Amino acid sequence: MRVFLGTDHAGFELKEHLVSWLKENGHEAVDCGAFAYDAVDDYPPFVLRAAERTAAEPGTLGIVIGGSGNGEAMAANKVKGVRAALVWNEDTARLAREHNDANVISLGARQHDPETATRFVELFIETAYSGEQRHTRRITMLSDYETTGELPPLPPER
């Protein structure tokens, strides 16, 4: 699996760890930066590059990392075709793929030790999208909105 990674200074050490882990486990890790620890790095230049490359190559995944992962998820979700999920436990890592067909995982390096974050990445990579009709319908609504800007219709009153 090709995996694009992007981070700022807060996630730099975790990114380095994950690049090594991915390679050791037979994946192709593509480092989109930061390439050195710099306490004044901003996340958007690196995260947006990782997200754009993920969206441009169907079948790939992305990992974005920051202190909390919140800003990184927001930034990645600005890229058309990206469904980035902020992950904080094993269930959210698995469900992001299984139910939401997320293609980018966002992690908070200050929230999790490297072993825990690695487990989230492992689950994210190993879990397939369920393809269930209800999930596909919801993803299609979001994708259509992203393209047209038109809100999906409200369900009939019950």
N, C-alpha and C. Protein backbone atom coordinates (compact mmCIF):
# COMPACT_ATOMS: atom_id res chain seq x y z
N MET A 1 0.86 -1.18 0.00
CA MET A 1 0.00 0.00 0.00
C MET A 1 0.90 1.24 0.00
N ARG A 2 0.60 2.18 -0.88
CA ARG A 2 1.31 3.47 -0.87
C ARG A 2 0.59 4.38 0.11
N VAL A 3 1.37 4.99 1.00
CA VAL A 3 0.82 5.84 2.05
C VAL A 3 1.59 7.16 2.05
N PHE A 4 0.86 8.26 1.92
CA PHE A 4 1.45 9.60 1.94
C PHE A 4 1.34 10.17 3.34
N LEU A 5 2.43 10.74 3.85
CA LEU A 5 2.45 11.28 5.21
C LEU A 5 2.82 12.75 5.18
N GLY A 6 2.14 13.54 6.03
CA GLY A 6 2.46 14.95 6.19
C GLY A 6 2.25 15.38 7.63
N THR A 7 3.14 16.24 8.11
CA THR A 7 3.07 16.69 9.50
C THR A 7 3.77 18.02 9.67
N ASP A 8 3.57 18.62 10.82
CA ASP A 8 4.37 19.77 11.23
C ASP A 8 5.34 19.30 12.30
N HIS A 9 5.92 20.24 13.02
CA HIS A 9 6.91 19.91 14.05
C HIS A 9 6.33 19.01 15.15
N ALA A 10 5.07 19.24 15.51
CA ALA A 10 4.49 18.49 16.63
C ALA A 10 4.40 16.99 16.35
N GLY A 11 4.23 16.64 15.09
CA GLY A 11 4.12 15.23 14.73
C GLY A 11 5.36 14.66 14.07
N PHE A 12 6.44 15.46 14.02
CA PHE A 12 7.62 15.04 13.27
C PHE A 12 8.17 13.69 13.74
N GLU A 13 8.36 13.52 15.03
CA GLU A 13 8.93 12.26 15.54
C GLU A 13 8.00 11.08 15.27
N LEU A 14 6.70 11.27 15.44
CA LEU A 14 5.76 10.19 15.16
C LEU A 14 5.77 9.86 13.67
N LYS A 15 5.84 10.86 12.81
CA LYS A 15 5.91 10.61 11.37
C LYS A 15 7.13 9.77 11.03
N GLU A 16 8.27 10.12 11.59
CA GLU A 16 9.49 9.36 11.34
C GLU A 16 9.33 7.90 11.78
N HIS A 17 8.72 7.70 12.93
CA HIS A 17 8.44 6.36 13.44
C HIS A 17 7.52 5.60 12.47
N LEU A 18 6.46 6.26 12.02
CA LEU A 18 5.50 5.60 11.14
C LEU A 18 6.08 5.30 9.76
N VAL A 19 6.92 6.17 9.25
CA VAL A 19 7.60 5.89 7.97
C VAL A 19 8.39 4.60 8.09
N SER A 20 9.14 4.45 9.17
CA SER A 20 9.92 3.22 9.39
C SER A 20 9.01 2.01 9.53
N TRP A 21 7.96 2.15 10.33
CA TRP A 21 7.04 1.03 10.54
C TRP A 21 6.38 0.61 9.24
N LEU A 22 5.93 1.57 8.46
CA LEU A 22 5.29 1.26 7.18
C LEU A 22 6.25 0.48 6.28
N LYS A 23 7.47 0.95 6.16
CA LYS A 23 8.46 0.27 5.31
C LYS A 23 8.75 -1.14 5.81
N GLU A 24 8.90 -1.29 7.12
CA GLU A 24 9.17 -2.60 7.71
C GLU A 24 8.02 -3.58 7.47
N ASN A 25 6.83 -3.05 7.25
CA ASN A 25 5.65 -3.88 7.05
C ASN A 25 5.20 -3.95 5.60
N GLY A 26 6.11 -3.65 4.69
CA GLY A 26 5.88 -3.86 3.28
C GLY A 26 5.10 -2.78 2.55
N HIS A 27 4.93 -1.63 3.17
CA HIS A 27 4.20 -0.53 2.54
C HIS A 27 5.19 0.48 1.96
N GLU A 28 4.71 1.25 1.01
CA GLU A 28 5.52 2.32 0.45
C GLU A 28 5.14 3.63 1.14
N ALA A 29 6.03 4.13 1.96
CA ALA A 29 5.79 5.37 2.68
C ALA A 29 6.36 6.53 1.86
N VAL A 30 5.49 7.51 1.55
CA VAL A 30 5.91 8.69 0.79
C VAL A 30 5.84 9.88 1.74
N ASP A 31 7.00 10.39 2.09
CA ASP A 31 7.13 11.47 3.07
C ASP A 31 6.93 12.82 2.37
N CYS A 32 5.86 13.51 2.73
CA CYS A 32 5.56 14.83 2.16
C CYS A 32 6.01 15.96 3.09
N GLY A 33 6.78 15.64 4.13
CA GLY A 33 7.31 16.62 5.05
C GLY A 33 6.47 16.70 6.32
N ALA A 34 6.96 17.41 7.23
CA ALA A 34 8.19 18.15 7.34
C ALA A 34 9.39 17.19 7.29
N PHE A 35 10.49 17.73 6.80
CA PHE A 35 11.67 16.90 6.59
C PHE A 35 12.72 17.06 7.68
N ALA A 36 12.50 17.99 8.59
CA ALA A 36 13.37 18.19 9.75
C ALA A 36 12.51 18.84 10.83
N TYR A 37 12.91 18.66 12.07
CA TYR A 37 12.16 19.29 13.16
C TYR A 37 12.43 20.78 13.15
N ASP A 38 11.38 21.58 13.06
CA ASP A 38 11.47 23.03 13.12
C ASP A 38 10.24 23.51 13.87
N ALA A 39 10.45 24.06 15.06
CA ALA A 39 9.35 24.43 15.95
C ALA A 39 8.42 25.49 15.37
N VAL A 40 8.77 26.10 14.26
CA VAL A 40 7.88 27.11 13.67
C VAL A 40 7.19 26.61 12.41
N ASP A 41 7.35 25.33 12.08
CA ASP A 41 6.66 24.79 10.92
C ASP A 41 5.15 24.91 11.09
N ASP A 42 4.48 25.27 10.02
CA ASP A 42 3.03 25.24 9.96
C ASP A 42 2.61 23.96 9.26
N TYR A 43 1.49 23.39 9.65
CA TYR A 43 1.07 22.11 9.07
C TYR A 43 0.48 22.19 7.67
N PRO A 44 -0.22 23.27 7.27
CA PRO A 44 -0.88 23.22 5.96
C PRO A 44 0.00 22.87 4.76
N PRO A 45 1.21 23.41 4.62
CA PRO A 45 2.00 23.05 3.43
C PRO A 45 2.27 21.55 3.31
N PHE A 46 2.47 20.88 4.41
CA PHE A 46 2.81 19.45 4.39
C PHE A 46 1.55 18.59 4.31
N VAL A 47 0.56 18.93 5.10
CA VAL A 47 -0.69 18.15 5.15
C VAL A 47 -1.44 18.24 3.82
N LEU A 48 -1.52 19.43 3.26
CA LEU A 48 -2.23 19.58 1.99
C LEU A 48 -1.54 18.80 0.87
N ARG A 49 -0.23 18.74 0.89
CA ARG A 49 0.49 17.95 -0.13
C ARG A 49 0.20 16.46 0.03
N ALA A 50 0.21 15.98 1.26
CA ALA A 50 -0.10 14.57 1.49
C ALA A 50 -1.54 14.27 1.08
N ALA A 51 -2.46 15.16 1.40
CA ALA A 51 -3.87 14.96 1.07
C ALA A 51 -4.08 15.02 -0.45
N GLU A 52 -3.47 15.97 -1.12
CA GLU A 52 -3.61 16.07 -2.58
C GLU A 52 -3.09 14.83 -3.28
N ARG A 53 -1.96 14.34 -2.82
CA ARG A 53 -1.39 13.15 -3.46
C ARG A 53 -2.26 11.92 -3.20
N THR A 54 -2.85 11.84 -2.02
CA THR A 54 -3.75 10.73 -1.71
C THR A 54 -4.98 10.78 -2.61
N ALA A 55 -5.58 11.96 -2.75
CA ALA A 55 -6.77 12.11 -3.59
C ALA A 55 -6.46 11.84 -5.06
N ALA A 56 -5.26 12.17 -5.49
CA ALA A 56 -4.88 12.00 -6.89
C ALA A 56 -4.61 10.55 -7.27
N GLU A 57 -4.38 9.71 -6.28
CA GLU A 57 -4.06 8.30 -6.53
C GLU A 57 -5.05 7.39 -5.82
N PRO A 58 -6.17 7.08 -6.44
CA PRO A 58 -7.12 6.17 -5.81
C PRO A 58 -6.44 4.86 -5.41
N GLY A 59 -6.84 4.36 -4.26
CA GLY A 59 -6.24 3.12 -3.75
C GLY A 59 -5.08 3.36 -2.81
N THR A 60 -4.71 4.63 -2.62
CA THR A 60 -3.67 4.96 -1.66
C THR A 60 -4.33 5.50 -0.40
N LEU A 61 -3.53 5.65 0.64
CA LEU A 61 -4.01 6.23 1.89
C LEU A 61 -3.08 7.34 2.33
N GLY A 62 -3.56 8.18 3.23
CA GLY A 62 -2.75 9.25 3.78
C GLY A 62 -2.78 9.25 5.29
N ILE A 63 -1.70 9.76 5.86
CA ILE A 63 -1.60 9.95 7.31
C ILE A 63 -1.15 11.38 7.53
N VAL A 64 -1.93 12.14 8.29
CA VAL A 64 -1.54 13.49 8.66
C VAL A 64 -1.46 13.56 10.17
N ILE A 65 -0.47 14.30 10.65
CA ILE A 65 -0.17 14.28 12.08
C ILE A 65 0.11 15.69 12.57
N GLY A 66 -0.39 15.99 13.74
CA GLY A 66 -0.08 17.25 14.42
C GLY A 66 -0.12 17.02 15.92
N GLY A 67 -0.19 18.08 16.67
CA GLY A 67 -0.26 17.94 18.11
C GLY A 67 -1.54 17.24 18.54
N SER A 68 -2.68 17.74 18.06
CA SER A 68 -3.97 17.13 18.37
C SER A 68 -4.54 16.35 17.20
N GLY A 69 -4.14 16.71 15.99
CA GLY A 69 -4.69 16.11 14.78
C GLY A 69 -5.90 16.85 14.26
N ASN A 70 -6.45 17.78 15.04
CA ASN A 70 -7.66 18.49 14.61
C ASN A 70 -7.42 19.37 13.39
N GLY A 71 -6.45 20.26 13.47
CA GLY A 71 -6.18 21.16 12.35
C GLY A 71 -5.79 20.39 11.10
N GLU A 72 -5.06 19.31 11.29
CA GLU A 72 -4.60 18.50 10.17
C GLU A 72 -5.79 17.83 9.47
N ALA A 73 -6.76 17.34 10.25
CA ALA A 73 -7.96 16.76 9.65
C ALA A 73 -8.74 17.82 8.89
N MET A 74 -8.85 19.01 9.48
CA MET A 74 -9.57 20.10 8.81
C MET A 74 -8.89 20.46 7.49
N ALA A 75 -7.57 20.58 7.52
CA ALA A 75 -6.82 20.93 6.32
C ALA A 75 -6.98 19.86 5.25
N ALA A 76 -6.80 18.60 5.62
CA ALA A 76 -6.90 17.52 4.65
C ALA A 76 -8.29 17.47 4.02
N ASN A 77 -9.31 17.74 4.81
CA ASN A 77 -10.68 17.69 4.30
C ASN A 77 -11.02 18.84 3.36
N LYS A 78 -10.14 19.82 3.22
CA LYS A 78 -10.33 20.89 2.23
C LYS A 78 -10.01 20.39 0.82
N VAL A 79 -9.31 19.27 0.71
CA VAL A 79 -8.91 18.74 -0.59
C VAL A 79 -10.03 17.88 -1.15
N LYS A 80 -10.48 18.23 -2.34
CA LYS A 80 -11.55 17.48 -2.98
C LYS A 80 -11.14 16.02 -3.12
N GLY A 81 -12.06 15.14 -2.70
CA GLY A 81 -11.80 13.71 -2.79
C GLY A 81 -11.19 13.10 -1.54
N VAL A 82 -10.90 13.91 -0.56
CA VAL A 82 -10.34 13.40 0.70
C VAL A 82 -11.45 13.27 1.72
N ARG A 83 -11.43 12.15 2.42
CA ARG A 83 -12.28 11.93 3.58
C ARG A 83 -11.32 11.61 4.73
N ALA A 84 -10.96 12.64 5.47
CA ALA A 84 -9.99 12.49 6.57
C ALA A 84 -10.74 12.32 7.88
N ALA A 85 -10.29 11.36 8.67
CA ALA A 85 -10.91 11.06 9.96
C ALA A 85 -9.91 11.28 11.08
N LEU A 86 -10.30 12.07 12.06
CA LEU A 86 -9.51 12.21 13.28
C LEU A 86 -9.74 10.95 14.10
N VAL A 87 -8.67 10.25 14.38
CA VAL A 87 -8.76 8.96 15.06
C VAL A 87 -8.17 9.08 16.46
N TRP A 88 -8.89 8.55 17.45
CA TRP A 88 -8.41 8.63 18.83
C TRP A 88 -8.48 7.29 19.56
N ASN A 89 -9.04 6.28 18.93
CA ASN A 89 -9.02 4.95 19.54
C ASN A 89 -9.16 3.90 18.43
N GLU A 90 -9.09 2.64 18.80
CA GLU A 90 -9.12 1.58 17.80
C GLU A 90 -10.44 1.56 17.03
N ASP A 91 -11.55 1.80 17.72
CA ASP A 91 -12.84 1.79 17.04
C ASP A 91 -12.93 2.88 15.98
N THR A 92 -12.47 4.09 16.30
CA THR A 92 -12.56 5.15 15.30
C THR A 92 -11.64 4.88 14.13
N ALA A 93 -10.51 4.24 14.36
CA ALA A 93 -9.61 3.88 13.26
C ALA A 93 -10.27 2.87 12.33
N ARG A 94 -10.89 1.88 12.90
CA ARG A 94 -11.54 0.82 12.10
C ARG A 94 -12.78 1.36 11.40
N LEU A 95 -13.63 2.07 12.14
CA LEU A 95 -14.89 2.55 11.57
C LEU A 95 -14.68 3.64 10.51
N ALA A 96 -13.60 4.39 10.62
CA ALA A 96 -13.31 5.41 9.60
C ALA A 96 -13.20 4.76 8.23
N ARG A 97 -12.62 3.58 8.18
CA ARG A 97 -12.50 2.86 6.90
C ARG A 97 -13.77 2.07 6.61
N GLU A 98 -14.24 1.31 7.57
CA GLU A 98 -15.34 0.37 7.35
C GLU A 98 -16.65 1.08 6.97
N HIS A 99 -16.95 2.18 7.65
CA HIS A 99 -18.22 2.88 7.42
C HIS A 99 -18.09 4.11 6.55
N ASN A 100 -16.96 4.81 6.64
CA ASN A 100 -16.82 6.10 5.96
C ASN A 100 -15.89 6.06 4.76
N ASP A 101 -15.25 4.94 4.52
CA ASP A 101 -14.28 4.81 3.43
C ASP A 101 -13.27 5.96 3.46
N ALA A 102 -12.84 6.33 4.67
CA ALA A 102 -11.85 7.40 4.82
C ALA A 102 -10.57 6.98 4.10
N ASN A 103 -9.93 7.96 3.47
CA ASN A 103 -8.66 7.67 2.80
C ASN A 103 -7.49 8.37 3.48
N VAL A 104 -7.78 9.16 4.51
CA VAL A 104 -6.74 9.83 5.28
C VAL A 104 -7.06 9.67 6.76
N ILE A 105 -6.05 9.34 7.54
CA ILE A 105 -6.18 9.27 8.99
C ILE A 105 -5.42 10.46 9.58
N SER A 106 -6.03 11.10 10.56
CA SER A 106 -5.38 12.21 11.25
C SER A 106 -5.11 11.79 12.70
N LEU A 107 -3.89 12.02 13.13
CA LEU A 107 -3.45 11.59 14.46
C LEU A 107 -2.90 12.76 15.26
N GLY A 108 -3.15 12.74 16.55
CA GLY A 108 -2.57 13.70 17.48
C GLY A 108 -1.34 13.10 18.14
N ALA A 109 -0.17 13.58 17.78
CA ALA A 109 1.07 13.04 18.33
C ALA A 109 1.22 13.33 19.82
N ARG A 110 0.58 14.37 20.30
CA ARG A 110 0.65 14.70 21.72
C ARG A 110 -0.43 13.97 22.51
N GLN A 111 -1.26 13.21 21.82
CA GLN A 111 -2.36 12.51 22.46
C GLN A 111 -2.10 11.02 22.65
N HIS A 112 -1.15 10.47 21.86
CA HIS A 112 -0.94 9.02 21.85
C HIS A 112 0.55 8.70 21.81
N ASP A 113 0.94 7.64 22.48
CA ASP A 113 2.32 7.19 22.37
C ASP A 113 2.50 6.52 21.00
N PRO A 114 3.74 6.37 20.55
CA PRO A 114 3.98 5.81 19.21
C PRO A 114 3.36 4.43 18.99
N GLU A 115 3.36 3.58 20.00
CA GLU A 115 2.80 2.24 19.84
C GLU A 115 1.29 2.29 19.61
N THR A 116 0.61 3.14 20.35
CA THR A 116 -0.83 3.27 20.20
C THR A 116 -1.17 3.86 18.84
N ALA A 117 -0.48 4.92 18.44
CA ALA A 117 -0.71 5.55 17.14
C ALA A 117 -0.44 4.55 16.01
N THR A 118 0.59 3.75 16.17
CA THR A 118 0.91 2.73 15.16
C THR A 118 -0.21 1.72 15.05
N ARG A 119 -0.79 1.33 16.16
CA ARG A 119 -1.91 0.39 16.13
C ARG A 119 -3.10 0.99 15.38
N PHE A 120 -3.36 2.29 15.58
CA PHE A 120 -4.44 2.95 14.85
C PHE A 120 -4.17 2.89 13.34
N VAL A 121 -2.93 3.17 12.96
CA VAL A 121 -2.56 3.13 11.54
C VAL A 121 -2.70 1.71 11.00
N GLU A 122 -2.27 0.74 11.76
CA GLU A 122 -2.38 -0.66 11.34
C GLU A 122 -3.85 -1.04 11.08
N LEU A 123 -4.73 -0.69 12.00
CA LEU A 123 -6.15 -0.98 11.83
C LEU A 123 -6.72 -0.23 10.62
N PHE A 124 -6.34 1.01 10.47
CA PHE A 124 -6.82 1.82 9.35
C PHE A 124 -6.43 1.19 8.02
N ILE A 125 -5.21 0.75 7.91
CA ILE A 125 -4.72 0.14 6.67
C ILE A 125 -5.38 -1.22 6.42
N GLU A 126 -5.53 -2.00 7.46
CA GLU A 126 -6.03 -3.38 7.31
C GLU A 126 -7.54 -3.46 7.11
N THR A 127 -8.27 -2.43 7.49
CA THR A 127 -9.73 -2.49 7.42
C THR A 127 -10.21 -2.06 6.04
N ALA A 128 -11.09 -2.85 5.48
CA ALA A 128 -11.68 -2.54 4.17
C ALA A 128 -13.01 -1.81 4.36
N TYR A 129 -13.37 -1.04 3.37
CA TYR A 129 -14.68 -0.40 3.35
C TYR A 129 -15.74 -1.49 3.21
N SER A 130 -16.80 -1.40 4.00
CA SER A 130 -17.82 -2.44 4.00
C SER A 130 -18.63 -2.46 2.70
N GLY A 131 -18.77 -1.31 2.06
CA GLY A 131 -19.57 -1.24 0.84
C GLY A 131 -21.07 -1.30 1.09
N GLU A 132 -21.48 -1.28 2.36
CA GLU A 132 -22.91 -1.33 2.66
C GLU A 132 -23.63 -0.14 2.03
N GLN A 133 -24.82 -0.41 1.54
CA GLN A 133 -25.58 0.59 0.79
C GLN A 133 -25.80 1.87 1.60
N ARG A 134 -26.11 1.76 2.88
CA ARG A 134 -26.38 2.95 3.69
C ARG A 134 -25.14 3.83 3.80
N HIS A 135 -23.97 3.21 3.89
CA HIS A 135 -22.73 3.99 3.98
C HIS A 135 -22.39 4.62 2.63
N THR A 136 -22.58 3.85 1.57
CA THR A 136 -22.33 4.37 0.23
C THR A 136 -23.25 5.55 -0.07
N ARG A 137 -24.51 5.44 0.32
CA ARG A 137 -25.47 6.53 0.11
C ARG A 137 -24.99 7.81 0.80
N ARG A 138 -24.51 7.69 2.01
CA ARG A 138 -24.06 8.86 2.77
C ARG A 138 -22.80 9.47 2.16
N ILE A 139 -21.87 8.62 1.78
CA ILE A 139 -20.64 9.10 1.15
C ILE A 139 -20.96 9.81 -0.16
N THR A 140 -21.90 9.26 -0.91
CA THR A 140 -22.31 9.87 -2.17
C THR A 140 -22.92 11.25 -1.93
N MET A 141 -23.71 11.39 -0.88
CA MET A 141 -24.29 12.70 -0.55
C MET A 141 -23.18 13.72 -0.30
N LEU A 142 -22.18 13.32 0.46
CA LEU A 142 -21.07 14.23 0.75
C LEU A 142 -20.28 14.57 -0.51
N SER A 143 -20.02 13.57 -1.31
CA SER A 143 -19.27 13.77 -2.55
C SER A 143 -20.03 14.69 -3.51
N ASP A 144 -21.34 14.47 -3.62
CA ASP A 144 -22.16 15.33 -4.47
C ASP A 144 -22.14 16.76 -3.97
N TYR A 145 -22.25 16.96 -2.67
CA TYR A 145 -22.21 18.30 -2.11
C TYR A 145 -20.86 18.96 -2.39
N GLU A 146 -19.79 18.19 -2.25
CA GLU A 146 -18.45 18.70 -2.51
C GLU A 146 -18.33 19.19 -3.95
N THR A 147 -18.98 18.51 -4.87
CA THR A 147 -18.90 18.85 -6.29
C THR A 147 -19.86 19.97 -6.68
N THR A 148 -21.10 19.90 -6.20
CA THR A 148 -22.13 20.84 -6.67
C THR A 148 -22.42 21.98 -5.70
N GLY A 149 -22.15 21.76 -4.42
CA GLY A 149 -22.52 22.75 -3.41
C GLY A 149 -23.99 22.71 -3.05
N GLU A 150 -24.72 21.75 -3.60
CA GLU A 150 -26.15 21.62 -3.32
C GLU A 150 -26.36 20.68 -2.14
N LEU A 151 -27.18 21.12 -1.21
CA LEU A 151 -27.50 20.29 -0.05
C LEU A 151 -28.31 19.07 -0.46
N PRO A 152 -28.08 17.94 0.19
CA PRO A 152 -28.95 16.78 -0.09
C PRO A 152 -30.36 17.06 0.42
N PRO A 153 -31.35 16.47 -0.20
CA PRO A 153 -32.73 16.71 0.26
C PRO A 153 -32.94 16.17 1.67
N LEU A 154 -33.81 16.84 2.38
CA LEU A 154 -34.17 16.37 3.71
C LEU A 154 -35.05 15.13 3.56
N PRO A 155 -34.97 14.21 4.53
CA PRO A 155 -35.87 13.05 4.46
C PRO A 155 -37.30 13.51 4.71
N PRO A 156 -38.27 12.73 4.25
CA PRO A 156 -39.67 13.08 4.53
C PRO A 156 -39.94 13.07 6.03
N GLU A 157 -40.86 13.92 6.45
CA GLU A 157 -41.21 13.95 7.88
C GLU A 157 -41.84 12.63 8.25
N ARG A 158 -41.54 12.19 9.45
CA ARG A 158 -42.06 10.89 9.92
C ARG A 158 -43.03 11.11 11.04
